[in-house]
Amino acid sequence: MPSFRVNVIIENRPEIVDPEGDTVLNDLVLKDKKTPVKKVRSAKMLRFEIEAKNKESAEKAVLALCNEFRIYNPLVSKVSVETLNA
């Protein structure tokens, strides 16, 4: 069975304040007055290596684990996945 690397990216929903992203923007990025950066959002990434039949089943299995173990709070977080061959 093939192996896949599934990256789960957890970030605050757009309407939720992101103090970590604001700190990075204000204290690090904007000190350089010439920067084109206008906004920074922070996120957490978890990397899973999993054996599965295909990419879709690997993503489903990892998302099921994340939901079962409440790895993120769906009320304030949004989750995206990207899958690569391991």
Protein backbone atom coordinates (compact mmCIF):
# COMPACT_ATOMS: atom_id res chain seq x y z
CA MET A 1 0.00 0.00 0.00
CA PRO A 2 1.42 3.43 -0.87
CA SER A 3 2.38 6.00 1.75
CA PHE A 4 1.20 9.59 1.74
CA ARG A 5 2.24 12.69 3.62
CA VAL A 6 -0.85 14.64 4.65
CA ASN A 7 -0.32 18.18 5.92
CA VAL A 8 -3.21 19.50 8.01
CA ILE A 9 -3.21 23.29 8.25
CA ILE A 10 -5.24 24.76 11.10
CA GLU A 11 -5.86 28.50 11.19
CA ASN A 12 -8.33 30.87 12.77
CA ARG A 13 -11.42 31.60 10.73
CA PRO A 14 -11.12 34.95 8.91
CA GLU A 15 -13.56 36.67 11.27
CA ILE A 16 -11.56 35.60 14.36
CA VAL A 17 -8.84 37.95 15.63
CA ASP A 18 -5.31 36.62 15.11
CA PRO A 19 -3.07 38.30 17.72
CA GLU A 20 -0.02 36.25 16.74
CA GLY A 21 -0.32 37.29 13.09
CA ASP A 22 -0.90 40.91 14.13
CA THR A 23 2.23 40.83 16.32
CA VAL A 24 4.35 39.47 13.49
CA LEU A 25 2.99 42.13 11.14
CA ASN A 26 3.36 45.07 13.54
CA ASP A 27 6.59 44.19 15.33
CA LEU A 28 8.58 42.54 12.57
CA VAL A 29 7.25 43.28 9.11
CA LEU A 30 6.05 46.89 9.35
CA LYS A 31 9.28 48.11 10.96
CA ASP A 32 10.59 48.07 7.40
CA LYS A 33 8.54 50.94 6.00
CA LYS A 34 9.04 49.77 2.41
CA THR A 35 7.43 46.34 2.76
CA PRO A 36 4.52 45.42 0.46
CA VAL A 37 3.10 43.05 3.14
CA LYS A 38 -0.36 44.17 4.31
CA LYS A 39 -1.56 41.26 6.45
CA VAL A 40 -0.15 38.22 8.27
CA ARG A 41 -2.21 35.27 9.54
CA SER A 42 -0.69 32.57 11.72
CA ALA A 43 -1.47 28.86 11.38
CA LYS A 44 -0.43 25.51 12.79
CA MET A 45 0.56 22.60 10.58
CA LEU A 46 0.49 18.93 11.50
CA ARG A 47 2.21 16.45 9.18
CA PHE A 48 0.92 12.88 9.09
CA GLU A 49 2.49 9.98 7.22
CA ILE A 50 -0.14 7.38 6.44
CA GLU A 51 -0.56 4.27 4.32
CA ALA A 52 -3.70 4.34 2.22
CA LYS A 53 -5.10 3.10 -1.08
CA ASN A 54 -5.08 6.56 -2.62
CA LYS A 55 -4.79 10.27 -1.89
CA GLU A 56 -8.50 10.73 -1.15
CA SER A 57 -8.65 7.90 1.40
CA ALA A 58 -5.48 9.23 3.08
CA GLU A 59 -7.08 12.67 3.46
CA LYS A 60 -10.35 11.21 4.75
CA ALA A 61 -8.55 9.06 7.34
CA VAL A 62 -6.47 11.97 8.65
CA LEU A 63 -9.44 14.34 8.81
CA ALA A 64 -11.43 11.65 10.65
CA LEU A 65 -8.61 11.39 13.23
CA CYS A 66 -8.50 15.17 13.62
CA ASN A 67 -12.25 15.27 14.19
CA GLU A 68 -12.33 12.25 16.50
CA PHE A 69 -9.59 13.58 18.77
CA ARG A 70 -10.75 17.22 18.55
CA ILE A 71 -7.36 18.41 17.34
CA TYR A 72 -8.98 21.69 16.34
CA ASN A 73 -12.02 23.68 17.39
CA PRO A 74 -14.38 23.89 14.39
CA LEU A 75 -16.11 26.95 15.88
CA VAL A 76 -13.01 29.13 15.59
CA SER A 77 -10.71 27.23 13.21
CA LYS A 78 -10.72 26.27 9.58
CA VAL A 79 -8.80 23.28 8.32
CA SER A 80 -7.23 22.59 4.96
CA VAL A 81 -5.21 19.61 3.80
CA GLU A 82 -2.53 19.05 1.23
CA THR A 83 -1.38 15.57 0.36
CA LEU A 84 1.90 14.45 -1.17
CA ASN A 85 3.39 11.06 -1.91
CA ALA A 86 5.72 10.16 0.97
